Amino acid sequence: VEHSDYQSFDTGTRFYARGDDCPGITFLISGEIRVFMAAKSKREITLYHVLPGEVCVLNASCILARCNYMANAVAIDHGAMLYLSREAFLQLMASSEEMRNFIFSFFSQRFAEIIELVEEVTFGKLDVRLADYLVEKAENNELNTTHQVIANELGSSREVISRLLKDFERKGRIELSRHFIRIRALY
């Protein structure tokens, strides 16, 4: 693609902080990017993850609405991307129905996910959300992660997540060890 640039990135690369300008857009080829909100209290909540073949809708909306980035975006896995300048992206959006359909399908998908997240955080019980998260993220009933990572994903504090995990362990639903959780019977 003309006016594009192939770039690789490392785990931990910060793409945007809240309030940053968006000089261009990235189309993820490999790796994973976490988009999240962070409070002054240091608590975080994940809004969504950008996976290979996807774009960050906040990045796209920042360019289309000519506003600053509204969250934070950090690589949680190394990878590669195709970077397109703001001007080239706007020109492509104006001239390509396929690009418009691609971008707008991500808008609707992410909007639905964020509405679901708001509903879960507002009305859902944290122990149920935690159990659902563990089941979703586990491979062969095992999960390598930290209590802080889980807290950040669910918009809670590490202490609350640790307390709930210990309760699950006491009830025989999981086994805990450092950076490791084995699911026995959560439901």
N, C-alpha and C. Protein backbone atom coordinates (compact mmCIF):
# COMPACT_ATOMS: atom_id res chain seq x y z
N VAL A 1 0.85 -1.18 0.00
CA VAL A 1 0.00 0.00 0.00
C VAL A 1 0.90 1.24 0.00
N GLU A 2 0.63 2.15 -0.92
CA GLU A 2 1.39 3.39 -1.00
C GLU A 2 1.17 4.22 0.26
N HIS A 3 2.20 4.90 0.74
CA HIS A 3 2.16 5.73 1.95
C HIS A 3 1.99 4.88 3.22
N SER A 4 2.41 3.62 3.14
CA SER A 4 2.34 2.77 4.33
C SER A 4 3.76 2.37 4.72
N ASP A 5 3.89 1.92 5.96
CA ASP A 5 5.21 1.57 6.49
C ASP A 5 5.06 0.32 7.36
N TYR A 6 5.81 -0.72 7.04
CA TYR A 6 5.82 -1.93 7.84
C TYR A 6 6.72 -1.69 9.05
N GLN A 7 6.21 -1.97 10.26
CA GLN A 7 6.99 -1.76 11.48
C GLN A 7 6.82 -2.94 12.41
N SER A 8 7.88 -3.28 13.12
CA SER A 8 7.76 -4.30 14.17
C SER A 8 7.79 -3.58 15.51
N PHE A 9 7.33 -4.26 16.56
CA PHE A 9 7.30 -3.66 17.89
C PHE A 9 7.53 -4.75 18.93
N ASP A 10 7.97 -4.33 20.11
CA ASP A 10 8.25 -5.24 21.21
C ASP A 10 7.12 -5.23 22.23
N THR A 11 7.07 -6.28 23.05
CA THR A 11 6.15 -6.32 24.17
C THR A 11 6.41 -5.09 25.05
N GLY A 12 5.35 -4.44 25.46
CA GLY A 12 5.48 -3.25 26.30
C GLY A 12 5.53 -1.94 25.54
N THR A 13 5.59 -2.00 24.21
CA THR A 13 5.60 -0.77 23.41
C THR A 13 4.31 0.00 23.65
N ARG A 14 4.46 1.27 23.99
CA ARG A 14 3.29 2.13 24.19
C ARG A 14 2.95 2.78 22.86
N PHE A 15 1.74 2.54 22.40
CA PHE A 15 1.28 3.16 21.15
C PHE A 15 0.64 4.50 21.43
N TYR A 16 -0.23 4.54 22.45
CA TYR A 16 -0.91 5.78 22.79
C TYR A 16 -1.14 5.86 24.29
N ALA A 17 -1.13 7.09 24.78
CA ALA A 17 -1.61 7.41 26.13
C ALA A 17 -2.81 8.32 25.93
N ARG A 18 -3.67 8.35 26.92
CA ARG A 18 -4.86 9.20 26.84
C ARG A 18 -4.45 10.64 26.55
N GLY A 19 -5.08 11.23 25.54
CA GLY A 19 -4.80 12.61 25.17
C GLY A 19 -3.81 12.77 24.02
N ASP A 20 -3.16 11.68 23.60
CA ASP A 20 -2.21 11.75 22.50
C ASP A 20 -2.91 12.05 21.18
N ASP A 21 -2.18 12.70 20.29
CA ASP A 21 -2.63 12.92 18.92
C ASP A 21 -2.49 11.61 18.15
N CYS A 22 -3.28 11.42 17.12
CA CYS A 22 -3.20 10.21 16.28
C CYS A 22 -2.69 10.60 14.90
N PRO A 23 -1.38 10.49 14.67
CA PRO A 23 -0.83 10.89 13.38
C PRO A 23 -1.07 9.86 12.27
N GLY A 24 -1.54 8.67 12.64
CA GLY A 24 -1.80 7.63 11.66
C GLY A 24 -2.52 6.46 12.30
N ILE A 25 -2.71 5.41 11.53
CA ILE A 25 -3.43 4.23 12.01
C ILE A 25 -2.59 2.99 11.75
N THR A 26 -2.75 2.00 12.63
CA THR A 26 -2.03 0.75 12.48
C THR A 26 -2.98 -0.38 12.15
N PHE A 27 -2.57 -1.22 11.22
CA PHE A 27 -3.27 -2.45 10.88
C PHE A 27 -2.39 -3.56 11.41
N LEU A 28 -2.87 -4.28 12.41
CA LEU A 28 -2.05 -5.27 13.10
C LEU A 28 -1.87 -6.52 12.24
N ILE A 29 -0.62 -6.90 12.05
CA ILE A 29 -0.27 -8.10 11.29
C ILE A 29 -0.05 -9.27 12.24
N SER A 30 0.68 -9.01 13.33
CA SER A 30 0.92 -10.03 14.35
C SER A 30 1.08 -9.35 15.70
N GLY A 31 0.99 -10.13 16.77
CA GLY A 31 1.09 -9.57 18.11
C GLY A 31 -0.28 -9.28 18.68
N GLU A 32 -0.28 -8.51 19.78
CA GLU A 32 -1.54 -8.16 20.44
C GLU A 32 -1.36 -6.84 21.18
N ILE A 33 -2.38 -6.00 21.09
CA ILE A 33 -2.37 -4.68 21.74
C ILE A 33 -3.55 -4.61 22.70
N ARG A 34 -3.28 -4.16 23.91
CA ARG A 34 -4.33 -3.98 24.93
C ARG A 34 -4.72 -2.51 24.95
N VAL A 35 -6.01 -2.24 24.83
CA VAL A 35 -6.55 -0.88 24.92
C VAL A 35 -7.29 -0.80 26.24
N PHE A 36 -6.91 0.19 27.07
CA PHE A 36 -7.45 0.24 28.43
C PHE A 36 -7.56 1.67 28.94
N MET A 37 -8.38 1.81 29.98
CA MET A 37 -8.50 3.07 30.71
C MET A 37 -7.75 2.90 32.02
N ALA A 38 -7.11 3.97 32.48
CA ALA A 38 -6.39 3.95 33.75
C ALA A 38 -6.86 5.14 34.59
N ALA A 39 -7.12 4.86 35.86
CA ALA A 39 -7.54 5.91 36.80
C ALA A 39 -6.32 6.45 37.53
N LYS A 40 -6.46 7.60 38.15
CA LYS A 40 -5.37 8.17 38.95
C LYS A 40 -4.97 7.24 40.09
N SER A 41 -5.91 6.42 40.53
CA SER A 41 -5.65 5.46 41.61
C SER A 41 -4.80 4.29 41.13
N LYS A 42 -4.43 4.28 39.84
CA LYS A 42 -3.63 3.22 39.21
C LYS A 42 -4.47 2.00 38.81
N ARG A 43 -5.77 1.99 39.14
CA ARG A 43 -6.62 0.89 38.68
C ARG A 43 -6.85 1.03 37.19
N GLU A 44 -6.97 -0.10 36.54
CA GLU A 44 -7.16 -0.12 35.10
C GLU A 44 -8.32 -1.04 34.75
N ILE A 45 -8.87 -0.82 33.54
CA ILE A 45 -9.85 -1.75 33.00
C ILE A 45 -9.59 -1.87 31.50
N THR A 46 -9.55 -3.10 31.04
CA THR A 46 -9.34 -3.36 29.62
C THR A 46 -10.64 -3.10 28.87
N LEU A 47 -10.55 -2.30 27.82
CA LEU A 47 -11.71 -2.06 26.97
C LEU A 47 -11.81 -3.15 25.91
N TYR A 48 -10.68 -3.47 25.28
CA TYR A 48 -10.62 -4.55 24.28
C TYR A 48 -9.16 -4.80 23.91
N HIS A 49 -8.94 -5.88 23.17
CA HIS A 49 -7.63 -6.22 22.64
C HIS A 49 -7.69 -6.12 21.12
N VAL A 50 -6.62 -5.64 20.53
CA VAL A 50 -6.51 -5.61 19.07
C VAL A 50 -5.66 -6.82 18.69
N LEU A 51 -6.19 -7.65 17.80
CA LEU A 51 -5.55 -8.89 17.39
C LEU A 51 -5.14 -8.81 15.93
N PRO A 52 -4.31 -9.74 15.46
CA PRO A 52 -3.90 -9.71 14.04
C PRO A 52 -5.10 -9.65 13.09
N GLY A 53 -4.97 -8.79 12.08
CA GLY A 53 -6.03 -8.59 11.11
C GLY A 53 -7.01 -7.51 11.50
N GLU A 54 -6.77 -6.89 12.66
CA GLU A 54 -7.69 -5.87 13.16
C GLU A 54 -7.03 -4.49 13.21
N VAL A 55 -7.87 -3.49 13.44
CA VAL A 55 -7.42 -2.12 13.70
C VAL A 55 -8.00 -1.69 15.04
N CYS A 56 -7.40 -0.69 15.62
CA CYS A 56 -7.92 -0.12 16.86
C CYS A 56 -8.98 0.92 16.49
N VAL A 57 -10.22 0.67 16.93
CA VAL A 57 -11.30 1.59 16.56
C VAL A 57 -11.14 2.95 17.21
N LEU A 58 -10.53 3.02 18.39
CA LEU A 58 -10.29 4.33 18.99
C LEU A 58 -9.28 5.11 18.16
N ASN A 59 -8.31 4.41 17.61
CA ASN A 59 -7.34 5.05 16.72
C ASN A 59 -8.05 5.59 15.48
N ALA A 60 -8.91 4.77 14.88
CA ALA A 60 -9.64 5.20 13.69
C ALA A 60 -10.58 6.36 14.01
N SER A 61 -11.29 6.26 15.14
CA SER A 61 -12.23 7.34 15.48
C SER A 61 -11.50 8.63 15.80
N CYS A 62 -10.33 8.52 16.39
CA CYS A 62 -9.49 9.69 16.68
C CYS A 62 -9.17 10.44 15.38
N ILE A 63 -8.83 9.69 14.35
CA ILE A 63 -8.49 10.30 13.06
C ILE A 63 -9.75 10.86 12.40
N LEU A 64 -10.81 10.06 12.36
CA LEU A 64 -12.03 10.48 11.67
C LEU A 64 -12.70 11.68 12.35
N ALA A 65 -12.65 11.73 13.68
CA ALA A 65 -13.29 12.83 14.42
C ALA A 65 -12.34 13.99 14.69
N ARG A 66 -11.09 13.82 14.30
CA ARG A 66 -10.06 14.84 14.54
C ARG A 66 -9.97 15.21 16.02
N CYS A 67 -9.89 14.15 16.86
CA CYS A 67 -9.75 14.36 18.30
C CYS A 67 -8.57 13.55 18.81
N ASN A 68 -8.26 13.72 20.07
CA ASN A 68 -7.14 12.99 20.66
C ASN A 68 -7.58 11.61 21.12
N TYR A 69 -6.59 10.73 21.30
CA TYR A 69 -6.84 9.35 21.72
C TYR A 69 -7.46 9.36 23.11
N MET A 70 -8.48 8.51 23.33
CA MET A 70 -9.28 8.57 24.55
C MET A 70 -8.93 7.51 25.59
N ALA A 71 -7.88 6.72 25.36
CA ALA A 71 -7.52 5.66 26.29
C ALA A 71 -6.01 5.46 26.26
N ASN A 72 -5.56 4.27 26.55
CA ASN A 72 -4.14 3.90 26.48
C ASN A 72 -4.04 2.64 25.64
N ALA A 73 -2.96 2.50 24.89
CA ALA A 73 -2.76 1.30 24.07
C ALA A 73 -1.31 0.85 24.21
N VAL A 74 -1.13 -0.41 24.64
CA VAL A 74 0.19 -0.97 24.89
C VAL A 74 0.26 -2.37 24.31
N ALA A 75 1.40 -2.72 23.72
CA ALA A 75 1.60 -4.07 23.19
C ALA A 75 1.77 -5.06 24.33
N ILE A 76 1.00 -6.13 24.32
CA ILE A 76 1.18 -7.16 25.34
C ILE A 76 1.90 -8.37 24.73
N ASP A 77 2.20 -8.28 23.45
CA ASP A 77 2.99 -9.30 22.78
C ASP A 77 3.71 -8.62 21.62
N HIS A 78 4.94 -9.06 21.33
CA HIS A 78 5.67 -8.45 20.21
C HIS A 78 4.95 -8.78 18.91
N GLY A 79 5.19 -7.97 17.90
CA GLY A 79 4.49 -8.20 16.65
C GLY A 79 4.91 -7.25 15.56
N ALA A 80 4.05 -7.16 14.55
CA ALA A 80 4.30 -6.31 13.40
C ALA A 80 3.00 -5.66 12.96
N MET A 81 3.15 -4.53 12.30
CA MET A 81 1.97 -3.78 11.87
C MET A 81 2.28 -3.03 10.58
N LEU A 82 1.22 -2.66 9.91
CA LEU A 82 1.30 -1.78 8.76
C LEU A 82 0.80 -0.43 9.24
N TYR A 83 1.64 0.59 9.15
CA TYR A 83 1.29 1.94 9.61
C TYR A 83 0.92 2.78 8.40
N LEU A 84 -0.20 3.48 8.52
CA LEU A 84 -0.69 4.34 7.45
C LEU A 84 -0.89 5.74 8.02
N SER A 85 -0.37 6.74 7.35
CA SER A 85 -0.51 8.12 7.84
C SER A 85 -1.98 8.53 7.88
N ARG A 86 -2.27 9.53 8.70
CA ARG A 86 -3.63 10.06 8.82
C ARG A 86 -4.18 10.45 7.44
N GLU A 87 -3.38 11.18 6.68
CA GLU A 87 -3.83 11.65 5.37
C GLU A 87 -4.13 10.49 4.43
N ALA A 88 -3.25 9.49 4.40
CA ALA A 88 -3.46 8.33 3.53
C ALA A 88 -4.70 7.54 3.98
N PHE A 89 -4.89 7.42 5.31
CA PHE A 89 -6.07 6.71 5.83
C PHE A 89 -7.35 7.45 5.43
N LEU A 90 -7.38 8.76 5.60
CA LEU A 90 -8.57 9.55 5.24
C LEU A 90 -8.87 9.44 3.74
N GLN A 91 -7.82 9.46 2.93
CA GLN A 91 -7.99 9.32 1.49
C GLN A 91 -8.55 7.93 1.14
N LEU A 92 -8.03 6.90 1.81
CA LEU A 92 -8.50 5.54 1.59
C LEU A 92 -9.95 5.38 2.04
N MET A 93 -10.31 5.98 3.16
CA MET A 93 -11.70 5.92 3.64
C MET A 93 -12.64 6.60 2.64
N ALA A 94 -12.19 7.70 2.06
CA ALA A 94 -13.03 8.44 1.12
C ALA A 94 -13.19 7.71 -0.21
N SER A 95 -12.18 6.95 -0.60
CA SER A 95 -12.20 6.36 -1.94
C SER A 95 -12.55 4.88 -1.98
N SER A 96 -12.54 4.20 -0.84
CA SER A 96 -12.72 2.75 -0.87
C SER A 96 -13.90 2.29 -0.01
N GLU A 97 -14.91 1.77 -0.67
CA GLU A 97 -16.06 1.23 0.05
C GLU A 97 -15.64 0.03 0.90
N GLU A 98 -14.71 -0.77 0.40
CA GLU A 98 -14.23 -1.93 1.16
C GLU A 98 -13.58 -1.50 2.47
N MET A 99 -12.78 -0.43 2.42
CA MET A 99 -12.13 0.06 3.63
C MET A 99 -13.18 0.60 4.61
N ARG A 100 -14.13 1.36 4.11
CA ARG A 100 -15.20 1.87 4.98
C ARG A 100 -15.95 0.72 5.64
N ASN A 101 -16.30 -0.29 4.87
CA ASN A 101 -17.02 -1.45 5.44
C ASN A 101 -16.16 -2.16 6.48
N PHE A 102 -14.87 -2.31 6.21
CA PHE A 102 -13.94 -2.96 7.14
C PHE A 102 -13.88 -2.19 8.45
N ILE A 103 -13.68 -0.89 8.38
CA ILE A 103 -13.55 -0.05 9.58
C ILE A 103 -14.88 0.01 10.34
N PHE A 104 -15.98 0.22 9.63
CA PHE A 104 -17.26 0.35 10.32
C PHE A 104 -17.72 -0.98 10.93
N SER A 105 -17.32 -2.10 10.36
CA SER A 105 -17.66 -3.39 10.99
C SER A 105 -16.93 -3.51 12.33
N PHE A 106 -15.69 -3.01 12.41
CA PHE A 106 -14.98 -3.02 13.68
C PHE A 106 -15.61 -2.05 14.67
N PHE A 107 -16.09 -0.90 14.19
CA PHE A 107 -16.79 0.04 15.07
C PHE A 107 -17.99 -0.65 15.73
N SER A 108 -18.81 -1.30 14.94
CA SER A 108 -20.01 -1.91 15.51
C SER A 108 -19.66 -3.07 16.44
N GLN A 109 -18.66 -3.86 16.08
CA GLN A 109 -18.24 -4.98 16.94
C GLN A 109 -17.71 -4.47 18.28
N ARG A 110 -16.82 -3.48 18.24
CA ARG A 110 -16.24 -2.96 19.49
C ARG A 110 -17.27 -2.22 20.33
N PHE A 111 -18.16 -1.51 19.67
CA PHE A 111 -19.21 -0.79 20.40
C PHE A 111 -20.06 -1.79 21.19
N ALA A 112 -20.42 -2.89 20.56
CA ALA A 112 -21.21 -3.93 21.24
C ALA A 112 -20.41 -4.52 22.41
N GLU A 113 -19.11 -4.75 22.22
CA GLU A 113 -18.28 -5.30 23.29
C GLU A 113 -18.17 -4.33 24.47
N ILE A 114 -18.06 -3.05 24.18
CA ILE A 114 -17.93 -2.06 25.26
C ILE A 114 -19.26 -1.90 25.99
N ILE A 115 -20.37 -1.96 25.28
CA ILE A 115 -21.68 -1.93 25.95
C ILE A 115 -21.81 -3.14 26.87
N GLU A 116 -21.38 -4.30 26.41
CA GLU A 116 -21.41 -5.52 27.24
C GLU A 116 -20.51 -5.35 28.46
N LEU A 117 -19.34 -4.76 28.27
CA LEU A 117 -18.42 -4.52 29.39
C LEU A 117 -19.05 -3.59 30.43
N VAL A 118 -19.66 -2.51 29.98
CA VAL A 118 -20.32 -1.57 30.89
C VAL A 118 -21.42 -2.30 31.66
N GLU A 119 -22.19 -3.11 30.97
CA GLU A 119 -23.26 -3.87 31.62
C GLU A 119 -22.69 -4.83 32.67
N GLU A 120 -21.61 -5.53 32.33
CA GLU A 120 -20.99 -6.47 33.27
C GLU A 120 -20.45 -5.75 34.51
N VAL A 121 -19.74 -4.65 34.27
CA VAL A 121 -19.14 -3.91 35.39
C VAL A 121 -20.22 -3.30 36.27
N THR A 122 -21.27 -2.80 35.64
CA THR A 122 -22.34 -2.14 36.39
C THR A 122 -23.25 -3.13 37.11
N PHE A 123 -23.63 -4.19 36.43
CA PHE A 123 -24.65 -5.07 36.98
C PHE A 123 -24.16 -6.47 37.35
N GLY A 124 -22.98 -6.87 36.87
CA GLY A 124 -22.50 -8.23 37.10
C GLY A 124 -21.79 -8.39 38.43
N LYS A 125 -21.89 -9.58 38.98
CA LYS A 125 -21.17 -9.89 40.21
C LYS A 125 -19.73 -10.22 39.83
N LEU A 126 -18.77 -9.69 40.59
CA LEU A 126 -17.37 -9.85 40.25
C LEU A 126 -16.93 -11.31 40.32
N ASP A 127 -17.45 -12.10 41.24
CA ASP A 127 -17.03 -13.50 41.31
C ASP A 127 -17.45 -14.26 40.05
N VAL A 128 -18.62 -13.94 39.52
CA VAL A 128 -19.09 -14.58 38.28
C VAL A 128 -18.24 -14.10 37.10
N ARG A 129 -17.96 -12.81 37.05
CA ARG A 129 -17.10 -12.26 35.98
C ARG A 129 -15.72 -12.89 36.03
N LEU A 130 -15.18 -13.07 37.24
CA LEU A 130 -13.86 -13.69 37.40
C LEU A 130 -13.88 -15.13 36.91
N ALA A 131 -14.88 -15.88 37.30
CA ALA A 131 -14.99 -17.28 36.86
C ALA A 131 -15.08 -17.34 35.33
N ASP A 132 -15.91 -16.49 34.74
CA ASP A 132 -16.05 -16.45 33.28
C ASP A 132 -14.71 -16.11 32.62
N TYR A 133 -13.99 -15.15 33.19
CA TYR A 133 -12.69 -14.74 32.65
C TYR A 133 -11.71 -15.91 32.68
N LEU A 134 -11.64 -16.61 33.81
CA LEU A 134 -10.71 -17.73 33.95
C LEU A 134 -11.01 -18.82 32.93
N VAL A 135 -12.27 -19.14 32.76
CA VAL A 135 -12.65 -20.17 31.79
C VAL A 135 -12.31 -19.73 30.38
N GLU A 136 -12.58 -18.46 30.06
CA GLU A 136 -12.32 -17.94 28.71
C GLU A 136 -10.84 -17.93 28.38
N LYS A 137 -9.99 -17.57 29.33
CA LYS A 137 -8.55 -17.40 29.07
C LYS A 137 -7.75 -18.69 29.25
N ALA A 138 -8.30 -19.67 29.93
CA ALA A 138 -7.56 -20.90 30.22
C ALA A 138 -7.37 -21.75 28.97
N GLU A 139 -6.24 -22.41 28.91
CA GLU A 139 -5.98 -23.42 27.89
C GLU A 139 -5.76 -24.73 28.64
N ASN A 140 -6.55 -25.74 28.32
CA ASN A 140 -6.51 -27.03 29.02
C ASN A 140 -6.69 -26.84 30.52
N ASN A 141 -7.60 -25.93 30.89
CA ASN A 141 -7.92 -25.63 32.30
C ASN A 141 -6.75 -25.04 33.07
N GLU A 142 -5.78 -24.46 32.37
CA GLU A 142 -4.63 -23.83 33.03
C GLU A 142 -4.44 -22.43 32.49
N LEU A 143 -3.96 -21.56 33.37
CA LEU A 143 -3.78 -20.15 33.01
C LEU A 143 -2.52 -19.65 33.69
N ASN A 144 -1.60 -19.09 32.91
CA ASN A 144 -0.40 -18.46 33.44
C ASN A 144 -0.59 -16.96 33.43
N THR A 145 -0.77 -16.37 34.61
CA THR A 145 -1.01 -14.93 34.72
C THR A 145 -0.81 -14.51 36.16
N THR A 146 -0.94 -13.22 36.39
CA THR A 146 -0.84 -12.69 37.75
C THR A 146 -2.19 -12.15 38.20
N HIS A 147 -2.34 -11.99 39.49
CA HIS A 147 -3.57 -11.42 40.03
C HIS A 147 -3.74 -9.99 39.53
N GLN A 148 -2.63 -9.26 39.37
CA GLN A 148 -2.70 -7.87 38.89
C GLN A 148 -3.21 -7.81 37.46
N VAL A 149 -2.74 -8.71 36.61
CA VAL A 149 -3.21 -8.73 35.21
C VAL A 149 -4.71 -8.98 35.17
N ILE A 150 -5.18 -9.93 35.98
CA ILE A 150 -6.61 -10.23 36.02
C ILE A 150 -7.39 -9.01 36.52
N ALA A 151 -6.87 -8.37 37.56
CA ALA A 151 -7.53 -7.17 38.10
C ALA A 151 -7.63 -6.09 37.03
N ASN A 152 -6.56 -5.88 36.28
CA ASN A 152 -6.56 -4.87 35.21
C ASN A 152 -7.58 -5.22 34.14
N GLU A 153 -7.68 -6.48 33.80
CA GLU A 153 -8.63 -6.90 32.77
C GLU A 153 -10.07 -6.68 33.23
N LEU A 154 -10.33 -6.91 34.53
CA LEU A 154 -11.70 -6.85 35.03
C LEU A 154 -12.07 -5.52 35.68
N GLY A 155 -11.11 -4.60 35.76
CA GLY A 155 -11.42 -3.29 36.35
C GLY A 155 -11.58 -3.35 37.85
N SER A 156 -10.78 -4.18 38.50
CA SER A 156 -10.85 -4.33 39.94
C SER A 156 -9.47 -4.06 40.54
N SER A 157 -9.33 -4.32 41.82
CA SER A 157 -8.02 -4.19 42.46
C SER A 157 -7.41 -5.57 42.65
N ARG A 158 -6.10 -5.63 42.73
CA ARG A 158 -5.39 -6.89 42.93
C ARG A 158 -5.85 -7.57 44.21
N GLU A 159 -6.05 -6.78 45.25
CA GLU A 159 -6.45 -7.34 46.54
C GLU A 159 -7.79 -8.05 46.46
N VAL A 160 -8.74 -7.45 45.78
CA VAL A 160 -10.07 -8.05 45.65
C VAL A 160 -9.99 -9.34 44.83
N ILE A 161 -9.24 -9.31 43.73
CA ILE A 161 -9.08 -10.51 42.90
C ILE A 161 -8.39 -11.61 43.69
N SER A 162 -7.35 -11.26 44.44
CA SER A 162 -6.65 -12.26 45.25
C SER A 162 -7.59 -12.89 46.27
N ARG A 163 -8.41 -12.10 46.89
CA ARG A 163 -9.36 -12.61 47.88
C ARG A 163 -10.36 -13.56 47.22
N LEU A 164 -10.89 -13.20 46.06
CA LEU A 164 -11.83 -14.07 45.36
C LEU A 164 -11.17 -15.37 44.90
N LEU A 165 -9.93 -15.28 44.40
CA LEU A 165 -9.22 -16.48 43.97
C LEU A 165 -8.95 -17.41 45.15
N LYS A 166 -8.57 -16.84 46.29
CA LYS A 166 -8.35 -17.65 47.49
C LYS A 166 -9.65 -18.34 47.91
N ASP A 167 -10.77 -17.63 47.78
CA ASP A 167 -12.07 -18.22 48.11
C ASP A 167 -12.38 -19.37 47.16
N PHE A 168 -12.12 -19.18 45.86
CA PHE A 168 -12.31 -20.26 44.88
C PHE A 168 -11.44 -21.46 45.25
N GLU A 169 -10.20 -21.18 45.66
CA GLU A 169 -9.28 -22.27 46.03
C GLU A 169 -9.79 -23.01 47.27
N ARG A 170 -10.22 -22.28 48.29
CA ARG A 170 -10.77 -22.88 49.51
C ARG A 170 -11.95 -23.80 49.21
N LYS A 171 -12.74 -23.42 48.21
CA LYS A 171 -13.91 -24.21 47.84
C LYS A 171 -13.56 -25.35 46.88
N GLY A 172 -12.26 -25.49 46.53
CA GLY A 172 -11.83 -26.57 45.65
C GLY A 172 -12.12 -26.34 44.18
N ARG A 173 -12.43 -25.11 43.81
CA ARG A 173 -12.79 -24.80 42.42
C ARG A 173 -11.56 -24.59 41.54
N ILE A 174 -10.44 -24.13 42.16
CA ILE A 174 -9.19 -23.90 41.44
C ILE A 174 -8.02 -24.29 42.33
N GLU A 175 -6.83 -24.40 41.71
CA GLU A 175 -5.57 -24.54 42.43
C GLU A 175 -4.72 -23.34 42.06
N LEU A 176 -4.10 -22.73 43.05
CA LEU A 176 -3.27 -21.55 42.83
C LEU A 176 -1.81 -21.84 43.14
N SER A 177 -0.92 -21.29 42.32
CA SER A 177 0.50 -21.19 42.65
C SER A 177 1.00 -19.94 41.94
N ARG A 178 2.23 -19.59 42.15
CA ARG A 178 2.77 -18.32 41.62
C ARG A 178 2.59 -18.23 40.10
N HIS A 179 1.85 -17.23 39.65
CA HIS A 179 1.60 -16.95 38.23
C HIS A 179 0.90 -18.11 37.52
N PHE A 180 0.18 -18.96 38.26
CA PHE A 180 -0.44 -20.13 37.66
C PHE A 180 -1.77 -20.45 38.36
N ILE A 181 -2.77 -20.75 37.54
CA ILE A 181 -4.08 -21.14 38.06
C ILE A 181 -4.53 -22.38 37.28
N ARG A 182 -4.93 -23.40 38.02
CA ARG A 182 -5.51 -24.61 37.40
C ARG A 182 -6.98 -24.65 37.79
N ILE A 183 -7.84 -24.76 36.80
CA ILE A 183 -9.28 -24.82 37.04
C ILE A 183 -9.67 -26.27 37.32
N ARG A 184 -10.40 -26.45 38.41
CA ARG A 184 -10.93 -27.77 38.74
C ARG A 184 -12.40 -27.83 38.33
N ALA A 185 -13.22 -26.99 38.93
CA ALA A 185 -14.66 -26.99 38.66
C ALA A 185 -15.23 -25.64 39.08
N LEU A 186 -15.22 -24.67 38.19
CA LEU A 186 -15.70 -23.32 38.53
C LEU A 186 -17.22 -23.24 38.55
N TYR A 187 -17.90 -24.06 37.80
CA TYR A 187 -19.36 -23.95 37.73
C TYR A 187 -20.00 -25.19 38.32
